[in-house]
Full PDB file with SEQRES, HELIX, SHEET, SSBOND, CRYST1, ORIGX, SCALE, CONECT and MASTER records, all heavy atoms in Angstrom:
SEQRES   1 A   33  SER ALA LEU LEU ALA ARG GLN ARG MET LEU GLY GLN GLN          
SEQRES   2 A   33  VAL GLN VAL LEU ARG MET CYS TYR ALA THR ALA GLN HIS          
SEQRES   3 A   33  ARG THR LEU PRO GLU ILE ALA                                  
HELIX    1 AA1 ALA A    2  ARG A    8  1                                   7    
HELIX    2 AA2 LEU A   29  ILE A   32  1                                   4    
CRYST1    1.000    1.000    1.000  90.00  90.00  90.00 P 1           1          
ORIGX1      1.000000  0.000000  0.000000        0.00000                         
ORIGX2      0.000000  1.000000  0.000000        0.00000                         
ORIGX3      0.000000  0.000000  1.000000        0.00000                         
SCALE1      1.000000  0.000000  0.000000        0.00000                         
SCALE2      0.000000  1.000000  0.000000        0.00000                         
SCALE3      0.000000  0.000000  1.000000        0.00000                         
ATOM      1  N   SER A   1     154.329  15.449 205.348  1.00  0.00           N  
ATOM      2  CA  SER A   1     153.067  14.704 205.349  1.00  0.00           C  
ATOM      3  C   SER A   1     151.935  15.606 204.870  1.00  0.00           C  
ATOM      4  O   SER A   1     151.064  15.180 204.090  1.00  0.00           O  
ATOM      5  CB  SER A   1     152.747  14.192 206.758  1.00  0.00           C  
ATOM      6  OG  SER A   1     153.720  13.302 207.218  1.00  0.00           O  
ATOM      7  N   ALA A   2     151.945  16.845 205.347  1.00  0.00           N  
ATOM      8  CA  ALA A   2     150.912  17.795 204.921  1.00  0.00           C  
ATOM      9  C   ALA A   2     150.994  18.056 203.425  1.00  0.00           C  
ATOM     10  O   ALA A   2     149.962  18.172 202.743  1.00  0.00           O  
ATOM     11  CB  ALA A   2     151.063  19.098 205.707  1.00  0.00           C  
ATOM     12  N   LEU A   3     152.221  18.134 202.888  1.00  0.00           N  
ATOM     13  CA  LEU A   3     152.386  18.350 201.447  1.00  0.00           C  
ATOM     14  C   LEU A   3     151.812  17.164 200.660  1.00  0.00           C  
ATOM     15  O   LEU A   3     151.135  17.360 199.643  1.00  0.00           O  
ATOM     16  CB  LEU A   3     153.857  18.548 201.117  1.00  0.00           C  
ATOM     17  CG  LEU A   3     154.214  18.724 199.638  1.00  0.00           C  
ATOM     18  CD1 LEU A   3     153.501  19.934 199.037  1.00  0.00           C  
ATOM     19  CD2 LEU A   3     155.721  18.849 199.450  1.00  0.00           C  
ATOM     20  N   LEU A   4     152.069  15.953 201.123  1.00  0.00           N  
ATOM     21  CA  LEU A   4     151.501  14.784 200.461  1.00  0.00           C  
ATOM     22  C   LEU A   4     149.980  14.846 200.457  1.00  0.00           C  
ATOM     23  O   LEU A   4     149.333  14.548 199.446  1.00  0.00           O  
ATOM     24  CB  LEU A   4     151.960  13.504 201.161  1.00  0.00           C  
ATOM     25  CG  LEU A   4     153.423  13.096 201.002  1.00  0.00           C  
ATOM     26  CD1 LEU A   4     153.685  11.803 201.770  1.00  0.00           C  
ATOM     27  CD2 LEU A   4     153.795  12.924 199.543  1.00  0.00           C  
ATOM     28  N   ALA A   5     149.405  15.224 201.589  1.00  0.00           N  
ATOM     29  CA  ALA A   5     147.946  15.320 201.665  1.00  0.00           C  
ATOM     30  C   ALA A   5     147.412  16.372 200.699  1.00  0.00           C  
ATOM     31  O   ALA A   5     146.425  16.148 199.993  1.00  0.00           O  
ATOM     32  CB  ALA A   5     147.517  15.649 203.100  1.00  0.00           C  
ATOM     33  N   ARG A   6     148.088  17.533 200.646  1.00  0.00           N  
ATOM     34  CA  ARG A   6     147.634  18.611 199.764  1.00  0.00           C  
ATOM     35  C   ARG A   6     147.671  18.190 198.290  1.00  0.00           C  
ATOM     36  O   ARG A   6     146.826  18.604 197.499  1.00  0.00           O  
ATOM     37  CB  ARG A   6     148.524  19.844 199.936  1.00  0.00           C  
ATOM     38  CG  ARG A   6     148.302  20.634 201.208  1.00  0.00           C  
ATOM     39  CD  ARG A   6     147.120  21.561 201.137  1.00  0.00           C  
ATOM     40  NE  ARG A   6     147.113  22.431 199.970  1.00  0.00           N  
ATOM     41  CZ  ARG A   6     146.317  23.483 199.861  1.00  0.00           C  
ATOM     42  NH1 ARG A   6     145.496  23.809 200.848  1.00  0.00           N  
ATOM     43  NH2 ARG A   6     146.334  24.224 198.779  1.00  0.00           N  
ATOM     44  N   GLN A   7     148.638  17.366 197.937  1.00  0.00           N  
ATOM     45  CA  GLN A   7     148.805  16.995 196.537  1.00  0.00           C  
ATOM     46  C   GLN A   7     148.034  15.744 196.136  1.00  0.00           C  
ATOM     47  O   GLN A   7     147.711  15.570 194.965  1.00  0.00           O  
ATOM     48  CB  GLN A   7     150.294  16.802 196.230  1.00  0.00           C  
ATOM     49  CG  GLN A   7     151.110  18.067 196.364  1.00  0.00           C  
ATOM     50  CD  GLN A   7     150.587  19.183 195.475  1.00  0.00           C  
ATOM     51  OE1 GLN A   7     150.280  18.952 194.312  1.00  0.00           O  
ATOM     52  NE2 GLN A   7     150.480  20.380 196.006  1.00  0.00           N  
ATOM     53  N   ARG A   8     147.725  14.861 197.094  1.00  0.00           N  
ATOM     54  CA  ARG A   8     147.107  13.589 196.736  1.00  0.00           C  
ATOM     55  C   ARG A   8     145.710  13.374 197.320  1.00  0.00           C  
ATOM     56  O   ARG A   8     145.032  12.432 196.922  1.00  0.00           O  
ATOM     57  CB  ARG A   8     148.024  12.447 197.219  1.00  0.00           C  
ATOM     58  CG  ARG A   8     149.361  12.363 196.474  1.00  0.00           C  
ATOM     59  CD  ARG A   8     149.180  11.874 195.040  1.00  0.00           C  
ATOM     60  NE  ARG A   8     148.586  10.555 195.021  1.00  0.00           N  
ATOM     61  CZ  ARG A   8     149.288   9.415 195.063  1.00  0.00           C  
ATOM     62  NH1 ARG A   8     150.614   9.452 195.070  1.00  0.00           N  
ATOM     63  NH2 ARG A   8     148.675   8.254 195.059  1.00  0.00           N  
ATOM     64  N   MET A   9     145.286  14.242 198.245  1.00  0.00           N  
ATOM     65  CA  MET A   9     144.028  13.972 198.940  1.00  0.00           C  
ATOM     66  C   MET A   9     143.098  15.180 198.979  1.00  0.00           C  
ATOM     67  O   MET A   9     142.261  15.295 199.866  1.00  0.00           O  
ATOM     68  CB  MET A   9     144.309  13.483 200.365  1.00  0.00           C  
ATOM     69  CG  MET A   9     145.083  12.174 200.421  1.00  0.00           C  
ATOM     70  SD  MET A   9     145.452  11.652 202.114  1.00  0.00           S  
ATOM     71  CE  MET A   9     143.785  11.375 202.746  1.00  0.00           C  
ATOM     72  N   LEU A  10     143.230  16.104 198.040  1.00  0.00           N  
ATOM     73  CA  LEU A  10     142.340  17.259 198.009  1.00  0.00           C  
ATOM     74  C   LEU A  10     140.886  16.802 197.886  1.00  0.00           C  
ATOM     75  O   LEU A  10     140.581  15.850 197.164  1.00  0.00           O  
ATOM     76  CB  LEU A  10     142.699  18.184 196.848  1.00  0.00           C  
ATOM     77  CG  LEU A  10     143.790  19.213 197.126  1.00  0.00           C  
ATOM     78  CD1 LEU A  10     144.054  20.051 195.882  1.00  0.00           C  
ATOM     79  CD2 LEU A  10     143.424  20.123 198.299  1.00  0.00           C  
ATOM     80  N   GLY A  11     140.014  17.482 198.601  1.00  0.00           N  
ATOM     81  CA  GLY A  11     138.614  17.103 198.629  1.00  0.00           C  
ATOM     82  C   GLY A  11     138.288  16.094 199.710  1.00  0.00           C  
ATOM     83  O   GLY A  11     137.121  15.732 199.890  1.00  0.00           O  
ATOM     84  N   GLN A  12     139.304  15.648 200.443  1.00  0.00           N  
ATOM     85  CA  GLN A  12     139.108  14.675 201.518  1.00  0.00           C  
ATOM     86  C   GLN A  12     139.426  15.305 202.866  1.00  0.00           C  
ATOM     87  O   GLN A  12     139.910  16.433 202.951  1.00  0.00           O  
ATOM     88  CB  GLN A  12     140.005  13.456 201.287  1.00  0.00           C  
ATOM     89  CG  GLN A  12     139.760  12.746 199.964  1.00  0.00           C  
ATOM     90  CD  GLN A  12     140.630  11.526 199.807  1.00  0.00           C  
ATOM     91  OE1 GLN A  12     140.717  10.678 200.693  1.00  0.00           O  
ATOM     92  NE2 GLN A  12     141.278  11.410 198.650  1.00  0.00           N  
ATOM     93  N   GLN A  13     139.134  14.574 203.915  1.00  0.00           N  
ATOM     94  CA  GLN A  13     139.485  14.980 205.275  1.00  0.00           C  
ATOM     95  C   GLN A  13     140.787  14.288 205.667  1.00  0.00           C  
ATOM     96  O   GLN A  13     141.068  13.167 205.226  1.00  0.00           O  
ATOM     97  CB  GLN A  13     138.380  14.567 206.252  1.00  0.00           C  
ATOM     98  CG  GLN A  13     137.029  15.200 205.987  1.00  0.00           C  
ATOM     99  CD  GLN A  13     136.798  16.434 206.830  1.00  0.00           C  
ATOM    100  OE1 GLN A  13     137.164  16.500 207.993  1.00  0.00           O  
ATOM    101  NE2 GLN A  13     136.163  17.435 206.222  1.00  0.00           N  
ATOM    102  N   VAL A  14     141.574  14.951 206.501  1.00  0.00           N  
ATOM    103  CA  VAL A  14     142.820  14.363 206.969  1.00  0.00           C  
ATOM    104  C   VAL A  14     142.920  14.552 208.484  1.00  0.00           C  
ATOM    105  O   VAL A  14     142.477  15.569 209.020  1.00  0.00           O  
ATOM    106  CB  VAL A  14     144.038  15.000 206.258  1.00  0.00           C  
ATOM    107  CG1 VAL A  14     144.180  16.474 206.595  1.00  0.00           C  
ATOM    108  CG2 VAL A  14     145.321  14.251 206.582  1.00  0.00           C  
ATOM    109  N   GLN A  15     143.496  13.562 209.145  1.00  0.00           N  
ATOM    110  CA  GLN A  15     143.710  13.669 210.590  1.00  0.00           C  
ATOM    111  C   GLN A  15     144.872  14.599 210.881  1.00  0.00           C  
ATOM    112  O   GLN A  15     145.929  14.493 210.252  1.00  0.00           O  
ATOM    113  CB  GLN A  15     144.007  12.287 211.183  1.00  0.00           C  
ATOM    114  CG  GLN A  15     144.280  12.318 212.688  1.00  0.00           C  
ATOM    115  CD  GLN A  15     144.529  10.940 213.261  1.00  0.00           C  
ATOM    116  OE1 GLN A  15     143.627  10.265 213.733  1.00  0.00           O  
ATOM    117  NE2 GLN A  15     145.786  10.507 213.223  1.00  0.00           N  
ATOM    118  N   VAL A  16     144.673  15.511 211.828  1.00  0.00           N  
ATOM    119  CA  VAL A  16     145.739  16.409 212.254  1.00  0.00           C  
ATOM    120  C   VAL A  16     145.803  16.402 213.777  1.00  0.00           C  
ATOM    121  O   VAL A  16     144.839  16.038 214.459  1.00  0.00           O  
ATOM    122  CB  VAL A  16     145.530  17.861 211.748  1.00  0.00           C  
ATOM    123  CG1 VAL A  16     145.511  17.912 210.232  1.00  0.00           C  
ATOM    124  CG2 VAL A  16     144.263  18.474 212.343  1.00  0.00           C  
ATOM    125  N   LEU A  17     146.938  16.810 214.285  1.00  0.00           N  
ATOM    126  CA  LEU A  17     147.124  17.065 215.705  1.00  0.00           C  
ATOM    127  C   LEU A  17     147.267  18.572 215.863  1.00  0.00           C  
ATOM    128  O   LEU A  17     147.874  19.232 215.025  1.00  0.00           O  
ATOM    129  CB  LEU A  17     148.362  16.338 216.222  1.00  0.00           C  
ATOM    130  CG  LEU A  17     148.459  14.852 215.857  1.00  0.00           C  
ATOM    131  CD1 LEU A  17     149.730  14.242 216.431  1.00  0.00           C  
ATOM    132  CD2 LEU A  17     147.238  14.097 216.355  1.00  0.00           C  
ATOM    133  N   ARG A  18     146.711  19.102 216.959  1.00  0.00           N  
ATOM    134  CA  ARG A  18     146.677  20.554 217.110  1.00  0.00           C  
ATOM    135  C   ARG A  18     147.432  20.983 218.365  1.00  0.00           C  
ATOM    136  O   ARG A  18     147.287  20.382 219.427  1.00  0.00           O  
ATOM    137  CB  ARG A  18     145.227  21.053 217.164  1.00  0.00           C  
ATOM    138  CG  ARG A  18     145.078  22.536 216.856  1.00  0.00           C  
ATOM    139  CD  ARG A  18     143.620  22.936 216.725  1.00  0.00           C  
ATOM    140  NE  ARG A  18     142.979  22.459 215.510  1.00  0.00           N  
ATOM    141  CZ  ARG A  18     143.073  23.070 214.340  1.00  0.00           C  
ATOM    142  NH1 ARG A  18     143.798  24.176 214.217  1.00  0.00           N  
ATOM    143  NH2 ARG A  18     142.440  22.588 213.279  1.00  0.00           N  
ATOM    144  N   MET A  19     148.245  22.035 218.209  1.00  0.00           N  
ATOM    145  CA  MET A  19     148.982  22.594 219.327  1.00  0.00           C  
ATOM    146  C   MET A  19     148.050  23.325 220.299  1.00  0.00           C  
ATOM    147  O   MET A  19     146.969  23.785 219.904  1.00  0.00           O  
ATOM    148  CB  MET A  19     150.037  23.585 218.813  1.00  0.00           C  
ATOM    149  CG  MET A  19     151.088  22.989 217.888  1.00  0.00           C  
ATOM    150  SD  MET A  19     152.267  21.915 218.729  1.00  0.00           S  
ATOM    151  CE  MET A  19     153.177  23.110 219.714  1.00  0.00           C  
ATOM    152  N   CYS A  20     148.489  23.433 221.539  1.00  0.00           N  
ATOM    153  CA  CYS A  20     147.740  24.225 222.530  1.00  0.00           C  
ATOM    154  C   CYS A  20     148.075  25.707 222.424  1.00  0.00           C  
ATOM    155  O   CYS A  20     147.244  26.560 222.731  1.00  0.00           O  
ATOM    156  CB  CYS A  20     148.056  23.740 223.947  1.00  0.00           C  
ATOM    157  SG  CYS A  20     147.389  22.124 224.344  1.00  0.00           S  
ATOM    158  N   TYR A  21     149.313  26.002 222.009  1.00  0.00           N  
ATOM    159  CA  TYR A  21     149.768  27.386 221.983  1.00  0.00           C  
ATOM    160  C   TYR A  21     150.309  27.740 220.595  1.00  0.00           C  
ATOM    161  O   TYR A  21     150.928  26.914 219.926  1.00  0.00           O  
ATOM    162  CB  TYR A  21     150.868  27.617 223.023  1.00  0.00           C  
ATOM    163  CG  TYR A  21     150.473  27.214 224.411  1.00  0.00           C  
ATOM    164  CD1 TYR A  21     150.977  26.049 224.986  1.00  0.00           C  
ATOM    165  CD2 TYR A  21     149.569  27.977 225.151  1.00  0.00           C  
ATOM    166  CE1 TYR A  21     150.608  25.648 226.265  1.00  0.00           C  
ATOM    167  CE2 TYR A  21     149.189  27.593 226.432  1.00  0.00           C  
ATOM    168  CZ  TYR A  21     149.713  26.427 226.974  1.00  0.00           C  
ATOM    169  OH  TYR A  21     149.321  26.046 228.241  1.00  0.00           O  
ATOM    170  N   ALA A  22     150.090  28.983 220.208  1.00  0.00           N  
ATOM    171  CA  ALA A  22     150.581  29.460 218.912  1.00  0.00           C  
ATOM    172  C   ALA A  22     152.075  29.756 218.992  1.00  0.00           C  
ATOM    173  O   ALA A  22     152.638  29.956 220.069  1.00  0.00           O  
ATOM    174  CB  ALA A  22     149.820  30.716 218.495  1.00  0.00           C  
ATOM    175  N   THR A  23     152.715  29.775 217.825  1.00  0.00           N  
ATOM    176  CA  THR A  23     154.109  30.181 217.749  1.00  0.00           C  
ATOM    177  C   THR A  23     154.209  31.398 216.837  1.00  0.00           C  
ATOM    178  O   THR A  23     153.487  31.499 215.847  1.00  0.00           O  
ATOM    179  CB  THR A  23     154.995  29.046 217.203  1.00  0.00           C  
ATOM    180  OG1 THR A  23     156.330  29.533 217.031  1.00  0.00           O  
ATOM    181  CG2 THR A  23     154.484  28.544 215.864  1.00  0.00           C  
ATOM    182  N   ALA A  24     155.102  32.295 217.188  1.00  0.00           N  
ATOM    183  CA  ALA A  24     155.241  33.517 216.401  1.00  0.00           C  
ATOM    184  C   ALA A  24     156.099  33.308 215.163  1.00  0.00           C  
ATOM    185  O   ALA A  24     156.072  34.111 214.239  1.00  0.00           O  
ATOM    186  CB  ALA A  24     155.847  34.622 217.270  1.00  0.00           C  
ATOM    187  N   GLN A  25     156.877  32.227 215.138  1.00  0.00           N  
ATOM    188  CA  GLN A  25     157.813  31.999 214.037  1.00  0.00           C  
ATOM    189  C   GLN A  25     157.330  30.831 213.191  1.00  0.00           C  
ATOM    190  O   GLN A  25     157.214  29.708 213.666  1.00  0.00           O  
ATOM    191  CB  GLN A  25     159.219  31.694 214.571  1.00  0.00           C  
ATOM    192  CG  GLN A  25     160.252  31.523 213.476  1.00  0.00           C  
ATOM    193  CD  GLN A  25     161.621  31.207 214.037  1.00  0.00           C  
ATOM    194  OE1 GLN A  25     161.783  31.050 215.236  1.00  0.00           O  
ATOM    195  NE2 GLN A  25     162.610  31.103 213.165  1.00  0.00           N  
ATOM    196  N   HIS A  26     157.027  31.085 211.936  1.00  0.00           N  
ATOM    197  CA  HIS A  26     156.597  30.042 211.025  1.00  0.00           C  
ATOM    198  C   HIS A  26     157.675  29.780 209.980  1.00  0.00           C  
ATOM    199  O   HIS A  26     158.389  30.684 209.570  1.00  0.00           O  
ATOM    200  CB  HIS A  26     155.298  30.445 210.325  1.00  0.00           C  
ATOM    201  CG  HIS A  26     154.127  30.556 211.242  1.00  0.00           C  
ATOM    202  ND1 HIS A  26     153.707  31.756 211.777  1.00  0.00           N  
ATOM    203  CD2 HIS A  26     153.296  29.610 211.743  1.00  0.00           C  
ATOM    204  CE1 HIS A  26     152.663  31.541 212.555  1.00  0.00           C  
ATOM    205  NE2 HIS A  26     152.391  30.253 212.551  1.00  0.00           N  
ATOM    206  N   ARG A  27     157.768  28.517 209.563  1.00  0.00           N  
ATOM    207  CA  ARG A  27     158.732  28.133 208.531  1.00  0.00           C  
ATOM    208  C   ARG A  27     158.017  27.996 207.189  1.00  0.00           C  
ATOM    209  O   ARG A  27     156.853  27.611 207.131  1.00  0.00           O  
ATOM    210  CB  ARG A  27     159.356  26.783 208.861  1.00  0.00           C  
ATOM    211  CG  ARG A  27     159.803  26.612 210.284  1.00  0.00           C  
ATOM    212  CD  ARG A  27     161.063  27.377 210.605  1.00  0.00           C  
ATOM    213  NE  ARG A  27     161.590  26.924 211.891  1.00  0.00           N  
ATOM    214  CZ  ARG A  27     162.605  27.476 212.518  1.00  0.00           C  
ATOM    215  NH1 ARG A  27     163.234  28.513 211.982  1.00  0.00           N  
ATOM    216  NH2 ARG A  27     163.016  27.010 213.673  1.00  0.00           N  
ATOM    217  N   THR A  28     158.739  28.270 206.141  1.00  0.00           N  
ATOM    218  CA  THR A  28     158.221  27.978 204.809  1.00  0.00           C  
ATOM    219  C   THR A  28     158.603  26.539 204.449  1.00  0.00           C  
ATOM    220  O   THR A  28     159.514  25.951 205.053  1.00  0.00           O  
ATOM    221  CB  THR A  28     158.801  28.934 203.759  1.00  0.00           C  
ATOM    222  OG1 THR A  28     160.209  28.720 203.669  1.00  0.00           O  
ATOM    223  CG2 THR A  28     158.512  30.390 204.120  1.00  0.00           C  
ATOM    224  N   LEU A  29     157.941  25.999 203.445  1.00  0.00           N  
ATOM    225  CA  LEU A  29     158.289  24.648 203.005  1.00  0.00           C  
ATOM    226  C   LEU A  29     159.739  24.528 202.524  1.00  0.00           C  
ATOM    227  O   LEU A  29     160.401  23.542 202.824  1.00  0.00           O  
ATOM    228  CB  LEU A  29     157.336  24.202 201.898  1.00  0.00           C  
ATOM    229  CG  LEU A  29     156.183  23.292 202.323  1.00  0.00           C  
ATOM    230  CD1 LEU A  29     155.292  22.983 201.138  1.00  0.00           C  
ATOM    231  CD2 LEU A  29     156.682  22.008 202.951  1.00  0.00           C  
ATOM    232  N   PRO A  30     160.261  25.496 201.770  1.00  0.00           N  
ATOM    233  CA  PRO A  30     161.677  25.390 201.401  1.00  0.00           C  
ATOM    234  C   PRO A  30     162.606  25.313 202.612  1.00  0.00           C  
ATOM    235  O   PRO A  30     163.574  24.541 202.604  1.00  0.00           O  
ATOM    236  CB  PRO A  30     161.918  26.669 200.591  1.00  0.00           C  
ATOM    237  CG  PRO A  30     160.591  26.951 199.967  1.00  0.00           C  
ATOM    238  CD  PRO A  30     159.590  26.591 201.025  1.00  0.00           C  
ATOM    239  N   GLU A  31     162.338  26.085 203.655  1.00  0.00           N  
ATOM    240  CA  GLU A  31     163.165  26.005 204.868  1.00  0.00           C  
ATOM    241  C   GLU A  31     163.098  24.618 205.481  1.00  0.00           C  
ATOM    242  O   GLU A  31     164.116  24.056 205.912  1.00  0.00           O  
ATOM    243  CB  GLU A  31     162.703  27.039 205.893  1.00  0.00           C  
ATOM    244  CG  GLU A  31     163.028  28.473 205.552  1.00  0.00           C  
ATOM    245  CD  GLU A  31     162.473  29.433 206.580  1.00  0.00           C  
ATOM    246  OE1 GLU A  31     161.236  29.454 206.809  1.00  0.00           O  
ATOM    247  OE2 GLU A  31     163.271  30.171 207.189  1.00  0.00           O  
ATOM    248  N   ILE A  32     161.888  24.063 205.550  1.00  0.00           N  
ATOM    249  CA  ILE A  32     161.718  22.737 206.121  1.00  0.00           C  
ATOM    250  C   ILE A  32     162.425  21.694 205.270  1.00  0.00           C  
ATOM    251  O   ILE A  32     163.055  20.761 205.785  1.00  0.00           O  
ATOM    252  CB  ILE A  32     160.226  22.409 206.275  1.00  0.00           C  
ATOM    253  CG1 ILE A  32     159.617  23.255 207.399  1.00  0.00           C  
ATOM    254  CG2 ILE A  32     160.009  20.928 206.550  1.00  0.00           C  
ATOM    255  CD1 ILE A  32     160.204  22.987 208.782  1.00  0.00           C  
ATOM    256  N   ALA A  33     162.340  21.812 203.943  1.00  0.00           N  
ATOM    257  CA  ALA A  33     163.030  20.864 203.067  1.00  0.00           C  
ATOM    258  C   ALA A  33     164.541  20.930 203.292  1.00  0.00           C  
ATOM    259  O   ALA A  33     165.223  19.892 203.350  1.00  0.00           O  
ATOM    260  CB  ALA A  33     162.697  21.158 201.606  1.00  0.00           C  
TER     261      ALA A  33                                                      
MASTER        0    0    0    2    0    0    0    6  260    1    0    3          
END                                                                             
């Protein structure tokens, strides 16, 4: 969903949900795909 927003809605605002706690492990988009 974030990728769609980045490619089709630049210059606009988008609704997001925010975590309470950070995570030390982040995924790349290829991993998620």
